[in-house]
Amino acid sequence: MQALILFSHGARDPQWARPFERICQALATRVAPTPVRVAFLEFMVPDLESAVAEVIAAGATEVIVVPLFLGQAGHVQRDLPSRLLTIARAHPSVAIRSSAAAGEDPAVLAALADYCAEQLDSFEPKSGKP
């Protein structure tokens, strides 16, 4: 059984998790019965190790981690591979895979560009100074 983990940075403010939780809920409906969980790098729970352990305990034999980051740098290049290696060693019978950062996908970038362009129409033009 496959499982999907949405991996985000995390923050001290609990509001940070809400968009990721909404994405998780939408995906859970879309890909049911595949388990979908959110995990955070820091400040929030669950962390990646706990989320992976949870889906493995539920029967997952393959875990796909999707980094919900805009770029393929820093945490995605250093922290994530290190954590995935540790997780893979702890669960040698489970395939642990990771996609590129979500922001590297052309469709994600196009959706963000569309959103930004739509903002031009959502505000009344002002005359004079900003």
N, C-alpha and C. Protein backbone atom coordinates (compact mmCIF):
# COMPACT_ATOMS: atom_id res chain seq x y z
N MET A 1 0.84 -1.18 0.00
CA MET A 1 0.00 0.00 0.00
C MET A 1 0.89 1.25 0.00
N GLN A 2 0.53 2.20 -0.82
CA GLN A 2 1.25 3.48 -0.86
C GLN A 2 0.67 4.43 0.18
N ALA A 3 1.50 5.39 0.60
CA ALA A 3 1.07 6.49 1.46
C ALA A 3 1.75 7.75 0.95
N LEU A 4 1.12 8.87 1.18
CA LEU A 4 1.61 10.16 0.72
C LEU A 4 1.82 11.06 1.93
N ILE A 5 3.03 11.64 2.02
CA ILE A 5 3.36 12.57 3.09
C ILE A 5 3.65 13.93 2.47
N LEU A 6 2.92 14.95 2.89
CA LEU A 6 3.15 16.32 2.44
C LEU A 6 4.09 16.97 3.44
N PHE A 7 5.27 17.34 2.99
CA PHE A 7 6.32 17.81 3.89
C PHE A 7 6.50 19.32 3.75
N SER A 8 6.34 20.02 4.86
CA SER A 8 6.44 21.48 4.88
C SER A 8 7.43 21.93 5.95
N HIS A 9 7.80 23.19 5.89
CA HIS A 9 8.77 23.73 6.84
C HIS A 9 8.25 23.73 8.26
N GLY A 10 7.08 24.30 8.47
CA GLY A 10 6.55 24.48 9.82
C GLY A 10 6.87 25.87 10.33
N ALA A 11 6.17 26.27 11.38
CA ALA A 11 6.35 27.60 11.96
C ALA A 11 5.86 27.58 13.40
N ARG A 12 6.19 28.61 14.13
CA ARG A 12 5.73 28.71 15.51
C ARG A 12 4.25 29.06 15.59
N ASP A 13 3.74 29.73 14.58
CA ASP A 13 2.34 30.13 14.54
C ASP A 13 1.49 28.97 14.02
N PRO A 14 0.52 28.49 14.79
CA PRO A 14 -0.29 27.35 14.35
C PRO A 14 -1.08 27.62 13.07
N GLN A 15 -1.32 28.88 12.74
CA GLN A 15 -2.02 29.22 11.51
C GLN A 15 -1.28 28.70 10.27
N TRP A 16 0.03 28.59 10.38
CA TRP A 16 0.86 28.15 9.25
C TRP A 16 0.39 26.81 8.69
N ALA A 17 -0.08 25.94 9.57
CA ALA A 17 -0.43 24.58 9.16
C ALA A 17 -1.74 24.51 8.38
N ARG A 18 -2.60 25.50 8.50
CA ARG A 18 -3.94 25.40 7.92
C ARG A 18 -3.97 25.13 6.42
N PRO A 19 -3.21 25.86 5.59
CA PRO A 19 -3.28 25.54 4.15
C PRO A 19 -2.81 24.12 3.84
N PHE A 20 -1.82 23.66 4.57
CA PHE A 20 -1.30 22.30 4.33
C PHE A 20 -2.33 21.26 4.76
N GLU A 21 -3.03 21.54 5.85
CA GLU A 21 -4.08 20.64 6.30
C GLU A 21 -5.23 20.60 5.29
N ARG A 22 -5.56 21.75 4.69
CA ARG A 22 -6.61 21.78 3.66
C ARG A 22 -6.19 20.99 2.43
N ILE A 23 -4.93 21.14 2.03
CA ILE A 23 -4.43 20.35 0.89
C ILE A 23 -4.52 18.86 1.23
N CYS A 24 -4.12 18.51 2.43
CA CYS A 24 -4.15 17.11 2.87
C CYS A 24 -5.58 16.56 2.83
N GLN A 25 -6.54 17.33 3.31
CA GLN A 25 -7.94 16.88 3.30
C GLN A 25 -8.45 16.69 1.88
N ALA A 26 -8.12 17.64 1.01
CA ALA A 26 -8.55 17.53 -0.39
C ALA A 26 -7.94 16.30 -1.05
N LEU A 27 -6.67 16.07 -0.78
CA LEU A 27 -5.99 14.91 -1.36
C LEU A 27 -6.53 13.60 -0.80
N ALA A 28 -6.81 13.58 0.48
CA ALA A 28 -7.32 12.35 1.11
C ALA A 28 -8.60 11.90 0.42
N THR A 29 -9.45 12.84 0.08
CA THR A 29 -10.68 12.51 -0.64
C THR A 29 -10.37 12.05 -2.06
N ARG A 30 -9.45 12.74 -2.69
CA ARG A 30 -9.12 12.46 -4.10
C ARG A 30 -8.42 11.11 -4.30
N VAL A 31 -7.52 10.74 -3.38
CA VAL A 31 -6.72 9.53 -3.57
C VAL A 31 -7.11 8.38 -2.65
N ALA A 32 -8.24 8.52 -1.96
CA ALA A 32 -8.69 7.46 -1.04
C ALA A 32 -8.67 6.12 -1.77
N PRO A 33 -8.25 5.06 -1.12
CA PRO A 33 -7.97 4.90 0.30
C PRO A 33 -6.50 5.13 0.69
N THR A 34 -5.71 5.73 -0.20
CA THR A 34 -4.30 5.98 0.12
C THR A 34 -4.20 6.96 1.30
N PRO A 35 -3.45 6.59 2.34
CA PRO A 35 -3.29 7.51 3.47
C PRO A 35 -2.48 8.75 3.05
N VAL A 36 -2.92 9.91 3.50
CA VAL A 36 -2.23 11.17 3.24
C VAL A 36 -2.03 11.87 4.58
N ARG A 37 -0.81 12.30 4.84
CA ARG A 37 -0.49 12.99 6.08
C ARG A 37 0.35 14.22 5.78
N VAL A 38 0.32 15.16 6.71
CA VAL A 38 1.20 16.32 6.66
C VAL A 38 2.29 16.11 7.68
N ALA A 39 3.52 16.54 7.36
CA ALA A 39 4.64 16.48 8.29
C ALA A 39 5.43 17.78 8.17
N PHE A 40 6.11 18.12 9.25
CA PHE A 40 6.83 19.39 9.30
C PHE A 40 8.31 19.19 9.64
N LEU A 41 9.12 20.07 9.08
CA LEU A 41 10.56 20.04 9.34
C LEU A 41 10.87 20.46 10.78
N GLU A 42 10.21 21.53 11.22
CA GLU A 42 10.48 22.02 12.57
C GLU A 42 9.29 22.80 13.12
N PHE A 43 9.31 23.00 14.42
CA PHE A 43 8.34 23.80 15.16
C PHE A 43 6.96 23.17 15.32
N MET A 44 6.56 22.27 14.42
CA MET A 44 5.21 21.71 14.46
C MET A 44 5.28 20.19 14.45
N VAL A 45 4.17 19.60 14.81
CA VAL A 45 4.05 18.15 14.78
C VAL A 45 2.90 17.77 13.86
N PRO A 46 3.02 16.60 13.25
CA PRO A 46 4.09 15.63 13.44
C PRO A 46 5.32 15.97 12.61
N ASP A 47 6.46 15.48 13.06
CA ASP A 47 7.65 15.59 12.23
C ASP A 47 7.61 14.48 11.18
N LEU A 48 8.54 14.52 10.26
CA LEU A 48 8.54 13.56 9.16
C LEU A 48 8.65 12.13 9.65
N GLU A 49 9.53 11.90 10.60
CA GLU A 49 9.74 10.55 11.11
C GLU A 49 8.45 9.98 11.72
N SER A 50 7.74 10.81 12.48
CA SER A 50 6.49 10.35 13.11
C SER A 50 5.40 10.08 12.09
N ALA A 51 5.27 10.96 11.10
CA ALA A 51 4.24 10.76 10.07
C ALA A 51 4.51 9.49 9.28
N VAL A 52 5.77 9.25 8.93
CA VAL A 52 6.12 8.03 8.19
C VAL A 52 5.85 6.81 9.06
N ALA A 53 6.25 6.84 10.31
CA ALA A 53 6.01 5.71 11.20
C ALA A 53 4.51 5.40 11.32
N GLU A 54 3.70 6.46 11.35
CA GLU A 54 2.25 6.27 11.46
C GLU A 54 1.68 5.54 10.24
N VAL A 55 2.07 5.95 9.04
CA VAL A 55 1.51 5.29 7.85
C VAL A 55 2.08 3.88 7.68
N ILE A 56 3.31 3.67 8.11
CA ILE A 56 3.87 2.32 8.06
C ILE A 56 3.12 1.41 9.03
N ALA A 57 2.82 1.92 10.23
CA ALA A 57 2.05 1.13 11.20
C ALA A 57 0.66 0.80 10.67
N ALA A 58 0.15 1.65 9.78
CA ALA A 58 -1.17 1.40 9.18
C ALA A 58 -1.08 0.48 7.96
N GLY A 59 0.14 0.05 7.60
CA GLY A 59 0.29 -0.92 6.52
C GLY A 59 0.97 -0.43 5.27
N ALA A 60 1.46 0.79 5.24
CA ALA A 60 2.13 1.30 4.04
C ALA A 60 3.42 0.53 3.78
N THR A 61 3.63 0.18 2.52
CA THR A 61 4.86 -0.48 2.11
C THR A 61 5.69 0.42 1.19
N GLU A 62 5.09 1.54 0.79
CA GLU A 62 5.78 2.55 -0.01
C GLU A 62 5.30 3.92 0.46
N VAL A 63 6.24 4.80 0.79
CA VAL A 63 5.91 6.14 1.26
C VAL A 63 6.50 7.15 0.29
N ILE A 64 5.65 8.01 -0.22
CA ILE A 64 6.08 9.06 -1.14
C ILE A 64 5.98 10.39 -0.41
N VAL A 65 7.11 11.07 -0.31
CA VAL A 65 7.19 12.36 0.37
C VAL A 65 7.19 13.45 -0.69
N VAL A 66 6.27 14.41 -0.54
CA VAL A 66 6.18 15.53 -1.46
C VAL A 66 6.55 16.80 -0.70
N PRO A 67 7.71 17.39 -0.98
CA PRO A 67 8.10 18.63 -0.31
C PRO A 67 7.27 19.80 -0.83
N LEU A 68 6.48 20.39 0.04
CA LEU A 68 5.67 21.55 -0.35
C LEU A 68 6.48 22.82 -0.10
N PHE A 69 7.56 22.92 -0.86
CA PHE A 69 8.47 24.06 -0.85
C PHE A 69 8.47 24.64 -2.27
N LEU A 70 8.74 25.93 -2.38
CA LEU A 70 8.78 26.53 -3.72
C LEU A 70 10.04 26.19 -4.48
N GLY A 71 11.15 25.99 -3.79
CA GLY A 71 12.41 25.73 -4.48
C GLY A 71 13.09 24.48 -3.99
N GLN A 72 14.00 23.99 -4.81
CA GLN A 72 14.76 22.78 -4.55
C GLN A 72 16.11 23.18 -3.95
N ALA A 73 16.07 23.83 -2.80
CA ALA A 73 17.32 24.28 -2.18
C ALA A 73 17.25 24.04 -0.68
N GLY A 74 18.33 24.39 0.00
CA GLY A 74 18.39 24.36 1.46
C GLY A 74 17.83 23.11 2.09
N HIS A 75 16.66 23.25 2.69
CA HIS A 75 16.05 22.14 3.43
C HIS A 75 15.77 20.94 2.53
N VAL A 76 15.37 21.19 1.30
CA VAL A 76 15.04 20.08 0.40
C VAL A 76 16.30 19.36 -0.06
N GLN A 77 17.39 20.08 -0.23
CA GLN A 77 18.64 19.45 -0.69
C GLN A 77 19.46 18.84 0.43
N ARG A 78 19.39 19.42 1.63
CA ARG A 78 20.23 18.92 2.73
C ARG A 78 19.44 18.14 3.78
N ASP A 79 18.46 18.82 4.38
CA ASP A 79 17.76 18.22 5.51
C ASP A 79 16.89 17.02 5.12
N LEU A 80 16.14 17.16 4.05
CA LEU A 80 15.23 16.08 3.65
C LEU A 80 15.98 14.79 3.29
N PRO A 81 17.00 14.82 2.45
CA PRO A 81 17.70 13.56 2.14
C PRO A 81 18.28 12.88 3.38
N SER A 82 18.81 13.67 4.29
CA SER A 82 19.37 13.10 5.52
C SER A 82 18.28 12.41 6.34
N ARG A 83 17.15 13.06 6.48
CA ARG A 83 16.05 12.47 7.23
C ARG A 83 15.50 11.22 6.53
N LEU A 84 15.41 11.28 5.22
CA LEU A 84 14.89 10.13 4.48
C LEU A 84 15.83 8.92 4.61
N LEU A 85 17.12 9.18 4.63
CA LEU A 85 18.09 8.09 4.81
C LEU A 85 17.92 7.45 6.19
N THR A 86 17.77 8.27 7.21
CA THR A 86 17.55 7.75 8.57
C THR A 86 16.26 6.94 8.63
N ILE A 87 15.21 7.45 8.02
CA ILE A 87 13.92 6.75 8.00
C ILE A 87 14.05 5.43 7.25
N ALA A 88 14.72 5.44 6.10
CA ALA A 88 14.89 4.22 5.30
C ALA A 88 15.67 3.17 6.09
N ARG A 89 16.66 3.60 6.84
CA ARG A 89 17.43 2.64 7.66
C ARG A 89 16.57 2.05 8.77
N ALA A 90 15.67 2.86 9.31
CA ALA A 90 14.79 2.38 10.39
C ALA A 90 13.69 1.47 9.87
N HIS A 91 13.37 1.58 8.58
CA HIS A 91 12.29 0.79 7.97
C HIS A 91 12.77 0.19 6.66
N PRO A 92 13.72 -0.77 6.71
CA PRO A 92 14.34 -1.28 5.49
C PRO A 92 13.40 -2.01 4.55
N SER A 93 12.26 -2.47 5.03
CA SER A 93 11.33 -3.19 4.14
C SER A 93 10.33 -2.27 3.46
N VAL A 94 10.45 -0.97 3.70
CA VAL A 94 9.52 0.00 3.12
C VAL A 94 10.26 0.87 2.11
N ALA A 95 9.67 1.07 0.94
CA ALA A 95 10.26 1.95 -0.07
C ALA A 95 9.92 3.40 0.31
N ILE A 96 10.96 4.21 0.48
CA ILE A 96 10.79 5.62 0.84
C ILE A 96 11.26 6.44 -0.36
N ARG A 97 10.37 7.23 -0.92
CA ARG A 97 10.70 8.02 -2.11
C ARG A 97 10.32 9.48 -1.86
N SER A 98 10.99 10.37 -2.60
CA SER A 98 10.69 11.80 -2.48
C SER A 98 10.61 12.42 -3.87
N SER A 99 9.64 13.28 -4.05
CA SER A 99 9.54 14.03 -5.30
C SER A 99 10.39 15.29 -5.19
N ALA A 100 10.48 16.02 -6.29
CA ALA A 100 11.11 17.34 -6.25
C ALA A 100 10.19 18.29 -5.48
N ALA A 101 10.70 19.44 -5.11
CA ALA A 101 9.89 20.45 -4.45
C ALA A 101 8.71 20.81 -5.35
N ALA A 102 7.55 21.01 -4.75
CA ALA A 102 6.34 21.31 -5.52
C ALA A 102 6.53 22.52 -6.42
N GLY A 103 7.27 23.51 -5.95
CA GLY A 103 7.49 24.73 -6.73
C GLY A 103 8.36 24.54 -7.95
N GLU A 104 8.93 23.37 -8.13
CA GLU A 104 9.73 23.07 -9.32
C GLU A 104 8.85 22.59 -10.47
N ASP A 105 7.59 22.29 -10.17
CA ASP A 105 6.68 21.76 -11.20
C ASP A 105 6.09 22.91 -12.02
N PRO A 106 6.14 22.82 -13.35
CA PRO A 106 5.60 23.90 -14.19
C PRO A 106 4.13 24.21 -13.93
N ALA A 107 3.33 23.19 -13.63
CA ALA A 107 1.90 23.42 -13.37
C ALA A 107 1.69 24.21 -12.09
N VAL A 108 2.50 23.94 -11.08
CA VAL A 108 2.41 24.69 -9.81
C VAL A 108 2.81 26.14 -10.05
N LEU A 109 3.89 26.35 -10.79
CA LEU A 109 4.33 27.72 -11.09
C LEU A 109 3.28 28.45 -11.91
N ALA A 110 2.65 27.77 -12.86
CA ALA A 110 1.60 28.40 -13.67
C ALA A 110 0.40 28.77 -12.80
N ALA A 111 0.03 27.91 -11.86
CA ALA A 111 -1.09 28.21 -10.97
C ALA A 111 -0.77 29.43 -10.10
N LEU A 112 0.46 29.53 -9.61
CA LEU A 112 0.86 30.70 -8.82
C LEU A 112 0.88 31.96 -9.67
N ALA A 113 1.35 31.85 -10.90
CA ALA A 113 1.35 33.01 -11.80
C ALA A 113 -0.09 33.45 -12.09
N ASP A 114 -0.99 32.49 -12.29
CA ASP A 114 -2.40 32.81 -12.52
C ASP A 114 -2.97 33.55 -11.31
N TYR A 115 -2.68 33.04 -10.13
CA TYR A 115 -3.17 33.69 -8.91
C TYR A 115 -2.67 35.14 -8.83
N CYS A 116 -1.39 35.33 -9.08
CA CYS A 116 -0.82 36.68 -9.02
C CYS A 116 -1.46 37.60 -10.06
N ALA A 117 -1.67 37.10 -11.26
CA ALA A 117 -2.30 37.91 -12.31
C ALA A 117 -3.72 38.28 -11.93
N GLU A 118 -4.44 37.35 -11.30
CA GLU A 118 -5.81 37.63 -10.88
C GLU A 118 -5.88 38.76 -9.86
N GLN A 119 -4.80 38.96 -9.14
CA GLN A 119 -4.80 40.03 -8.13
C GLN A 119 -4.88 41.40 -8.77
N LEU A 120 -4.46 41.51 -10.02
CA LEU A 120 -4.56 42.79 -10.72
C LEU A 120 -6.01 43.23 -10.87
N ASP A 121 -6.90 42.26 -10.99
CA ASP A 121 -8.32 42.57 -11.18
C ASP A 121 -9.09 42.64 -9.85
N SER A 122 -8.45 42.27 -8.75
CA SER A 122 -9.19 42.19 -7.48
C SER A 122 -9.13 43.50 -6.67
N PHE A 123 -8.35 44.46 -7.11
CA PHE A 123 -8.23 45.72 -6.40
C PHE A 123 -8.65 46.86 -7.32
N GLU A 124 -9.33 47.82 -6.74
CA GLU A 124 -9.71 49.01 -7.50
C GLU A 124 -8.45 49.81 -7.79
N PRO A 125 -8.31 50.29 -9.01
CA PRO A 125 -7.14 51.13 -9.32
C PRO A 125 -7.17 52.41 -8.47
N LYS A 126 -6.01 52.80 -7.99
CA LYS A 126 -5.88 54.03 -7.21
C LYS A 126 -5.19 55.07 -8.05
N SER A 127 -5.63 56.27 -7.90
CA SER A 127 -4.91 57.34 -8.59
C SER A 127 -3.92 57.94 -7.61
N GLY A 128 -2.83 58.37 -8.11
CA GLY A 128 -1.82 58.99 -7.26
C GLY A 128 -0.87 57.97 -6.67
N LYS A 129 -0.49 58.23 -5.41
CA LYS A 129 0.54 57.42 -4.74
C LYS A 129 -0.03 56.10 -4.26
N PRO A 130 0.84 55.08 -4.15
CA PRO A 130 0.41 53.75 -3.68
C PRO A 130 -0.05 53.76 -2.24
